[in-house]
C-alpha atoms as a PDB file:
ATOM      1  CA  UNK A   1      17.126  38.897  20.894  1.00  0.00           C
ATOM      2  CA  UNK A   2      15.783  40.455  17.181  1.00  0.00           C
ATOM      3  CA  UNK A   3      13.512  39.204  14.292  1.00  0.00           C
ATOM      4  CA  UNK A   4      10.855  36.288  14.672  1.00  0.00           C
ATOM      5  CA  UNK A   5       9.575  33.717  12.876  1.00  0.00           C
ATOM      6  CA  UNK A   6       6.896  34.942  11.338  1.00  0.00           C
ATOM      7  CA  UNK A   7       7.113  34.905   7.064  1.00  0.00           C
ATOM      8  CA  UNK A   8       6.803  37.960   6.013  1.00  0.00           C
ATOM      9  CA  UNK A   9       3.132  38.612   4.315  1.00  0.00           C
ATOM     10  CA  UNK A  10       4.308  40.515   1.492  1.00  0.00           C
ATOM     11  CA  UNK A  11       2.888  39.799  -2.214  1.00  0.00           C
ATOM     12  CA  UNK A  12       6.126  38.485  -3.675  1.00  0.00           C
ATOM     13  CA  UNK A  13       6.145  36.391  -0.538  1.00  0.00           C
ATOM     14  CA  UNK A  14       2.212  34.837  -1.241  1.00  0.00           C
ATOM     15  CA  UNK A  15       3.210  34.050  -4.288  1.00  0.00           C
ATOM     16  CA  UNK A  16       6.669  32.661  -4.448  1.00  0.00           C
ATOM     17  CA  UNK A  17       4.739  30.336  -1.645  1.00  0.00           C
ATOM     18  CA  UNK A  18       1.647  29.554  -3.997  1.00  0.00           C
ATOM     19  CA  UNK A  19       4.064  28.568  -7.165  1.00  0.00           C
ATOM     20  CA  UNK A  20       6.262  26.215  -4.746  1.00  0.00           C
ATOM     21  CA  UNK A  21       2.760  24.606  -3.260  1.00  0.00           C
ATOM     22  CA  UNK A  22       1.563  24.104  -6.700  1.00  0.00           C
ATOM     23  CA  UNK A  23       4.505  22.947  -8.209  1.00  0.00           C
ATOM     24  CA  UNK A  24       4.963  20.338  -5.907  1.00  0.00           C
ATOM     25  CA  UNK A  25       2.127  19.232  -6.261  1.00  0.00           C
ATOM     26  CA  UNK A  26       1.713  18.987 -10.541  1.00  0.00           C
ATOM     27  CA  UNK A  27       4.934  16.907 -10.156  1.00  0.00           C
ATOM     28  CA  UNK A  28       3.963  14.571  -7.032  1.00  0.00           C
ATOM     29  CA  UNK A  29       1.169  13.877  -9.481  1.00  0.00           C
ATOM     30  CA  UNK A  30       2.934  13.385 -12.549  1.00  0.00           C
ATOM     31  CA  UNK A  31       5.799  10.571 -11.229  1.00  0.00           C
ATOM     32  CA  UNK A  32       2.635   8.814  -9.796  1.00  0.00           C
ATOM     33  CA  UNK A  33       0.607   8.870 -12.838  1.00  0.00           C
ATOM     34  CA  UNK A  34       4.091   8.369 -15.343  1.00  0.00           C
ATOM     35  CA  UNK A  35       4.290   5.460 -12.766  1.00  0.00           C
ATOM     36  CA  UNK A  36       1.124   4.162 -12.973  1.00  0.00           C
ATOM     37  CA  UNK A  37       2.116   3.721 -16.864  1.00  0.00           C
ATOM     38  CA  UNK A  38       5.233   2.427 -16.739  1.00  0.00           C
ATOM     39  CA  UNK A  39       4.780  -0.432 -14.014  1.00  0.00           C
ATOM     40  CA  UNK A  40       1.954  -2.877 -12.219  1.00  0.00           C
ATOM     41  CA  UNK A  41      -0.799  -0.849 -10.088  1.00  0.00           C
ATOM     42  CA  UNK A  42       0.133  -3.281  -7.747  1.00  0.00           C
ATOM     43  CA  UNK A  43       3.534  -2.155  -7.939  1.00  0.00           C
ATOM     44  CA  UNK A  44       3.193   1.313  -7.191  1.00  0.00           C
ATOM     45  CA  UNK A  45       0.854   0.944  -4.532  1.00  0.00           C
ATOM     46  CA  UNK A  46       3.714  -1.241  -3.120  1.00  0.00           C
ATOM     47  CA  UNK A  47       5.968   1.229  -3.308  1.00  0.00           C
ATOM     48  CA  UNK A  48       3.841   4.425  -2.066  1.00  0.00           C
ATOM     49  CA  UNK A  49       2.974   2.171   1.162  1.00  0.00           C
ATOM     50  CA  UNK A  50       6.612   1.303   1.557  1.00  0.00           C
ATOM     51  CA  UNK A  51       7.653   5.706   1.376  1.00  0.00           C
ATOM     52  CA  UNK A  52       6.726   5.724   5.311  1.00  0.00           C
ATOM     53  CA  UNK A  53       8.664   2.596   6.912  1.00  0.00           C
ATOM     54  CA  UNK A  54      11.630   2.986   8.799  1.00  0.00           C
ATOM     55  CA  UNK A  55      14.934   1.648   7.405  1.00  0.00           C
ATOM     56  CA  UNK A  56      14.747  -0.931  10.512  1.00  0.00           C
ATOM     57  CA  UNK A  57      11.643  -2.510   9.359  1.00  0.00           C
END
């Protein structure tokens, strides 16, 4: 078996991972706060808790 599952520890890889984490964080906050501006707090909160449930419930 050749290779491994360890990611390459290069500068480009580290910059790419940091970029993905920052983009995901800011997009999530933007969606959340935009939802709070557009919808009542109770509705946004219910959607937040609803996302973790399985469809069978």
